[in-house]
Amino acid sequence: MASEQFLEAIKQAEAEAETIVSDAERKASEINSEALRRADEIIAAAGAKAGAERQEELSQAETAYQSMLEQLEQERRSARADLPAGLKAEAVAELSERIVNLIGNR
């Protein structure tokens, strides 16, 4: 009878051990799932932040590019205005002569 009680105690201990192992595996799986979920959230947040920073840099680059184009256009226009008076007068005279010739050749 003592041996039957001993075998029963061993079976109960094995059953408890299996329950403990099963619970530990379940908890480990839950912890792993939670860690994966949190990692996905962190990666998504980092991706969103990187995208926002990239968009901001692109916006700044576009603004700088537009500013450069405007500055070049102003320099191009001011270069015409800065022509020497003699050169302007010569250009006006040549244009006037061409216009008169065109009108006269009609």
N, C-alpha and C. Protein backbone atom coordinates (compact mmCIF):
# COMPACT_ATOMS: atom_id res chain seq x y z
N MET A 1 0.78 -1.19 0.00
CA MET A 1 0.00 0.00 0.00
C MET A 1 0.84 1.28 0.00
N ALA A 2 1.93 1.20 0.70
CA ALA A 2 2.83 2.34 0.74
C ALA A 2 3.37 2.62 -0.66
N SER A 3 3.66 1.54 -1.40
CA SER A 3 4.17 1.73 -2.75
C SER A 3 3.10 2.32 -3.67
N GLU A 4 1.82 1.95 -3.44
CA GLU A 4 0.74 2.53 -4.23
C GLU A 4 0.59 4.02 -3.92
N GLN A 5 0.71 4.36 -2.66
CA GLN A 5 0.64 5.77 -2.27
C GLN A 5 1.83 6.54 -2.85
N PHE A 6 2.99 5.90 -2.83
CA PHE A 6 4.19 6.52 -3.38
C PHE A 6 4.02 6.76 -4.88
N LEU A 7 3.50 5.76 -5.61
CA LEU A 7 3.25 5.90 -7.05
C LEU A 7 2.22 6.99 -7.32
N GLU A 8 1.20 7.04 -6.49
CA GLU A 8 0.17 8.09 -6.64
C GLU A 8 0.78 9.47 -6.41
N ALA A 9 1.64 9.60 -5.43
CA ALA A 9 2.30 10.88 -5.14
C ALA A 9 3.18 11.29 -6.32
N ILE A 10 3.87 10.30 -6.91
CA ILE A 10 4.71 10.59 -8.08
C ILE A 10 3.84 11.05 -9.25
N LYS A 11 2.71 10.39 -9.49
CA LYS A 11 1.80 10.78 -10.58
C LYS A 11 1.27 12.19 -10.36
N GLN A 12 0.92 12.51 -9.10
CA GLN A 12 0.43 13.85 -8.81
C GLN A 12 1.53 14.89 -9.03
N ALA A 13 2.74 14.57 -8.61
CA ALA A 13 3.88 15.47 -8.81
C ALA A 13 4.14 15.68 -10.30
N GLU A 14 4.06 14.61 -11.08
CA GLU A 14 4.24 14.73 -12.53
C GLU A 14 3.14 15.59 -13.15
N ALA A 15 1.90 15.39 -12.70
CA ALA A 15 0.78 16.18 -13.21
C ALA A 15 0.97 17.66 -12.87
N GLU A 16 1.40 17.94 -11.63
CA GLU A 16 1.66 19.33 -11.24
C GLU A 16 2.80 19.91 -12.06
N ALA A 17 3.83 19.13 -12.29
CA ALA A 17 4.97 19.59 -13.09
C ALA A 17 4.52 19.91 -14.52
N GLU A 18 3.70 19.05 -15.09
CA GLU A 18 3.18 19.30 -16.44
C GLU A 18 2.34 20.57 -16.47
N THR A 19 1.53 20.78 -15.43
CA THR A 19 0.72 22.00 -15.35
C THR A 19 1.62 23.23 -15.25
N ILE A 20 2.65 23.13 -14.40
CA ILE A 20 3.58 24.26 -14.24
C ILE A 20 4.30 24.55 -15.55
N VAL A 21 4.77 23.52 -16.24
CA VAL A 21 5.46 23.70 -17.52
C VAL A 21 4.51 24.28 -18.55
N SER A 22 3.29 23.79 -18.60
CA SER A 22 2.29 24.29 -19.55
C SER A 22 1.99 25.76 -19.28
N ASP A 23 1.80 26.11 -18.00
CA ASP A 23 1.55 27.51 -17.64
C ASP A 23 2.74 28.39 -18.02
N ALA A 24 3.95 27.90 -17.76
CA ALA A 24 5.15 28.66 -18.09
C ALA A 24 5.27 28.87 -19.60
N GLU A 25 4.97 27.84 -20.38
CA GLU A 25 5.02 27.97 -21.84
C GLU A 25 3.97 28.97 -22.33
N ARG A 26 2.77 28.92 -21.73
CA ARG A 26 1.71 29.85 -22.12
C ARG A 26 2.12 31.28 -21.79
N LYS A 27 2.67 31.49 -20.58
CA LYS A 27 3.10 32.83 -20.18
C LYS A 27 4.25 33.31 -21.06
N ALA A 28 5.18 32.43 -21.39
CA ALA A 28 6.29 32.80 -22.28
C ALA A 28 5.76 33.19 -23.65
N SER A 29 4.78 32.47 -24.13
CA SER A 29 4.18 32.80 -25.43
C SER A 29 3.49 34.16 -25.38
N GLU A 30 2.77 34.43 -24.29
CA GLU A 30 2.11 35.73 -24.13
C GLU A 30 3.13 36.86 -24.06
N ILE A 31 4.21 36.63 -23.30
CA ILE A 31 5.27 37.64 -23.20
C ILE A 31 5.90 37.89 -24.56
N ASN A 32 6.16 36.82 -25.30
CA ASN A 32 6.74 36.94 -26.64
C ASN A 32 5.80 37.71 -27.58
N SER A 33 4.52 37.39 -27.52
CA SER A 33 3.54 38.08 -28.37
C SER A 33 3.48 39.57 -28.02
N GLU A 34 3.49 39.88 -26.74
CA GLU A 34 3.46 41.28 -26.31
C GLU A 34 4.73 42.01 -26.75
N ALA A 35 5.87 41.34 -26.63
CA ALA A 35 7.13 41.95 -27.06
C ALA A 35 7.11 42.22 -28.56
N LEU A 36 6.59 41.29 -29.34
CA LEU A 36 6.48 41.49 -30.80
C LEU A 36 5.54 42.64 -31.12
N ARG A 37 4.42 42.73 -30.40
CA ARG A 37 3.46 43.81 -30.63
C ARG A 37 4.11 45.17 -30.34
N ARG A 38 4.81 45.24 -29.20
CA ARG A 38 5.47 46.50 -28.83
C ARG A 38 6.57 46.86 -29.82
N ALA A 39 7.31 45.85 -30.27
CA ALA A 39 8.37 46.10 -31.25
C ALA A 39 7.77 46.62 -32.55
N ASP A 40 6.65 46.05 -32.98
CA ASP A 40 5.97 46.54 -34.18
C ASP A 40 5.53 47.99 -34.02
N GLU A 41 5.00 48.33 -32.83
CA GLU A 41 4.58 49.71 -32.58
C GLU A 41 5.77 50.67 -32.64
N ILE A 42 6.88 50.25 -32.03
CA ILE A 42 8.08 51.10 -32.03
C ILE A 42 8.60 51.29 -33.45
N ILE A 43 8.63 50.21 -34.21
CA ILE A 43 9.10 50.30 -35.60
C ILE A 43 8.17 51.19 -36.43
N ALA A 44 6.87 51.04 -36.24
CA ALA A 44 5.91 51.87 -36.98
C ALA A 44 6.08 53.34 -36.60
N ALA A 45 6.25 53.62 -35.32
CA ALA A 45 6.44 55.01 -34.88
C ALA A 45 7.73 55.59 -35.44
N ALA A 46 8.79 54.78 -35.44
CA ALA A 46 10.07 55.24 -36.00
C ALA A 46 9.94 55.50 -37.50
N GLY A 47 9.22 54.63 -38.19
CA GLY A 47 9.01 54.83 -39.62
C GLY A 47 8.22 56.09 -39.90
N ALA A 48 7.19 56.33 -39.10
CA ALA A 48 6.38 57.55 -39.27
C ALA A 48 7.22 58.79 -39.00
N LYS A 49 8.03 58.73 -37.95
CA LYS A 49 8.88 59.88 -37.62
C LYS A 49 9.90 60.13 -38.73
N ALA A 50 10.50 59.05 -39.23
CA ALA A 50 11.48 59.19 -40.31
C ALA A 50 10.81 59.76 -41.56
N GLY A 51 9.59 59.31 -41.84
CA GLY A 51 8.86 59.84 -42.99
C GLY A 51 8.56 61.31 -42.83
N ALA A 52 8.16 61.71 -41.62
CA ALA A 52 7.86 63.12 -41.37
C ALA A 52 9.13 63.96 -41.50
N GLU A 53 10.24 63.46 -40.96
CA GLU A 53 11.51 64.19 -41.07
C GLU A 53 11.94 64.30 -42.53
N ARG A 54 11.78 63.22 -43.27
CA ARG A 54 12.14 63.24 -44.70
C ARG A 54 11.29 64.25 -45.45
N GLN A 55 9.99 64.26 -45.15
CA GLN A 55 9.09 65.20 -45.82
C GLN A 55 9.47 66.64 -45.47
N GLU A 56 9.83 66.88 -44.22
CA GLU A 56 10.24 68.22 -43.80
C GLU A 56 11.51 68.64 -44.54
N GLU A 57 12.47 67.72 -44.66
CA GLU A 57 13.70 68.04 -45.38
C GLU A 57 13.42 68.30 -46.86
N LEU A 58 12.53 67.51 -47.45
CA LEU A 58 12.16 67.74 -48.85
C LEU A 58 11.49 69.10 -49.01
N SER A 59 10.64 69.45 -48.06
CA SER A 59 9.95 70.74 -48.11
C SER A 59 10.96 71.88 -48.00
N GLN A 60 11.92 71.74 -47.09
CA GLN A 60 12.94 72.77 -46.94
C GLN A 60 13.80 72.88 -48.20
N ALA A 61 14.12 71.74 -48.79
CA ALA A 61 14.92 71.74 -50.02
C ALA A 61 14.15 72.40 -51.16
N GLU A 62 12.85 72.12 -51.24
CA GLU A 62 12.03 72.73 -52.28
C GLU A 62 11.95 74.24 -52.08
N THR A 63 11.79 74.67 -50.83
CA THR A 63 11.74 76.10 -50.54
C THR A 63 13.05 76.77 -50.91
N ALA A 64 14.17 76.13 -50.57
CA ALA A 64 15.49 76.68 -50.91
C ALA A 64 15.66 76.75 -52.43
N TYR A 65 15.20 75.71 -53.13
CA TYR A 65 15.30 75.69 -54.59
C TYR A 65 14.47 76.82 -55.21
N GLN A 66 13.24 77.00 -54.72
CA GLN A 66 12.40 78.08 -55.23
C GLN A 66 13.04 79.44 -54.97
N SER A 67 13.63 79.60 -53.79
CA SER A 67 14.31 80.85 -53.45
C SER A 67 15.48 81.10 -54.39
N MET A 68 16.25 80.04 -54.69
CA MET A 68 17.37 80.19 -55.62
C MET A 68 16.88 80.58 -57.01
N LEU A 69 15.79 79.94 -57.45
CA LEU A 69 15.25 80.28 -58.77
C LEU A 69 14.79 81.74 -58.82
N GLU A 70 14.12 82.18 -57.75
CA GLU A 70 13.66 83.57 -57.70
C GLU A 70 14.84 84.53 -57.69
N GLN A 71 15.89 84.19 -56.94
CA GLN A 71 17.07 85.03 -56.89
C GLN A 71 17.74 85.10 -58.26
N LEU A 72 17.84 83.96 -58.94
CA LEU A 72 18.43 83.95 -60.28
C LEU A 72 17.61 84.79 -61.25
N GLU A 73 16.29 84.70 -61.14
CA GLU A 73 15.42 85.49 -62.01
C GLU A 73 15.60 86.98 -61.73
N GLN A 74 15.70 87.35 -60.47
CA GLN A 74 15.92 88.76 -60.13
C GLN A 74 17.27 89.24 -60.65
N GLU A 75 18.29 88.39 -60.52
CA GLU A 75 19.61 88.75 -61.03
C GLU A 75 19.59 88.88 -62.55
N ARG A 76 18.84 87.99 -63.21
CA ARG A 76 18.73 88.07 -64.67
C ARG A 76 18.05 89.36 -65.08
N ARG A 77 16.98 89.72 -64.38
CA ARG A 77 16.26 90.96 -64.70
C ARG A 77 17.11 92.19 -64.38
N SER A 78 17.79 92.17 -63.25
CA SER A 78 18.60 93.33 -62.89
C SER A 78 19.80 93.47 -63.81
N ALA A 79 20.27 92.36 -64.38
CA ALA A 79 21.39 92.43 -65.32
C ALA A 79 20.98 93.22 -66.55
N ARG A 80 19.73 93.07 -66.97
CA ARG A 80 19.24 93.85 -68.12
C ARG A 80 19.16 95.33 -67.75
N ALA A 81 18.69 95.60 -66.55
CA ALA A 81 18.53 96.99 -66.12
C ALA A 81 19.88 97.66 -65.91
N ASP A 82 20.91 96.87 -65.66
CA ASP A 82 22.23 97.43 -65.38
C ASP A 82 23.07 97.65 -66.64
N LEU A 83 22.48 97.50 -67.81
CA LEU A 83 23.23 97.72 -69.04
C LEU A 83 23.66 99.19 -69.11
N PRO A 84 24.84 99.44 -69.62
CA PRO A 84 25.30 100.83 -69.76
C PRO A 84 24.35 101.61 -70.69
N ALA A 85 24.22 102.89 -70.41
CA ALA A 85 23.29 103.74 -71.17
C ALA A 85 23.63 103.74 -72.66
N GLY A 86 24.92 103.77 -72.98
CA GLY A 86 25.33 103.77 -74.38
C GLY A 86 24.90 102.50 -75.10
N LEU A 87 25.04 101.38 -74.44
CA LEU A 87 24.66 100.10 -75.02
C LEU A 87 23.15 100.03 -75.20
N LYS A 88 22.42 100.57 -74.22
CA LYS A 88 20.95 100.60 -74.33
C LYS A 88 20.54 101.47 -75.51
N ALA A 89 21.16 102.63 -75.63
CA ALA A 89 20.82 103.55 -76.73
C ALA A 89 21.13 102.91 -78.07
N GLU A 90 22.26 102.22 -78.16
CA GLU A 90 22.63 101.54 -79.40
C GLU A 90 21.62 100.45 -79.75
N ALA A 91 21.19 99.66 -78.73
CA ALA A 91 20.21 98.60 -78.96
C ALA A 91 18.88 99.19 -79.40
N VAL A 92 18.47 100.30 -78.78
CA VAL A 92 17.20 100.95 -79.16
C VAL A 92 17.30 101.46 -80.59
N ALA A 93 18.41 102.03 -80.95
CA ALA A 93 18.58 102.55 -82.30
C ALA A 93 18.52 101.42 -83.33
N GLU A 94 19.20 100.31 -83.04
CA GLU A 94 19.17 99.19 -83.98
C GLU A 94 17.78 98.59 -84.10
N LEU A 95 17.08 98.47 -82.99
CA LEU A 95 15.71 97.95 -83.03
C LEU A 95 14.80 98.89 -83.80
N SER A 96 14.97 100.18 -83.57
CA SER A 96 14.14 101.16 -84.29
C SER A 96 14.38 101.06 -85.79
N GLU A 97 15.64 100.92 -86.17
CA GLU A 97 15.98 100.81 -87.58
C GLU A 97 15.36 99.56 -88.19
N ARG A 98 15.42 98.45 -87.47
CA ARG A 98 14.82 97.20 -87.97
C ARG A 98 13.31 97.34 -88.11
N ILE A 99 12.68 97.98 -87.14
CA ILE A 99 11.22 98.17 -87.21
C ILE A 99 10.86 99.02 -88.41
N VAL A 100 11.60 100.10 -88.61
CA VAL A 100 11.34 100.97 -89.76
C VAL A 100 11.53 100.20 -91.06
N ASN A 101 12.59 99.39 -91.14
CA ASN A 101 12.83 98.59 -92.34
C ASN A 101 11.72 97.58 -92.57
N LEU A 102 11.25 96.94 -91.48
CA LEU A 102 10.17 95.97 -91.62
C LEU A 102 8.89 96.64 -92.11
N ILE A 103 8.58 97.79 -91.54
CA ILE A 103 7.37 98.51 -91.94
C ILE A 103 7.51 98.99 -93.39
N GLY A 104 8.70 99.45 -93.74
CA GLY A 104 8.94 99.94 -95.10
C GLY A 104 8.90 98.84 -96.14
N ASN A 105 9.20 97.61 -95.76
CA ASN A 105 9.24 96.50 -96.70
C ASN A 105 7.89 95.82 -96.87
N ARG A 106 6.88 96.33 -96.29
CA ARG A 106 5.56 95.70 -96.38
C ARG A 106 4.93 95.97 -97.67
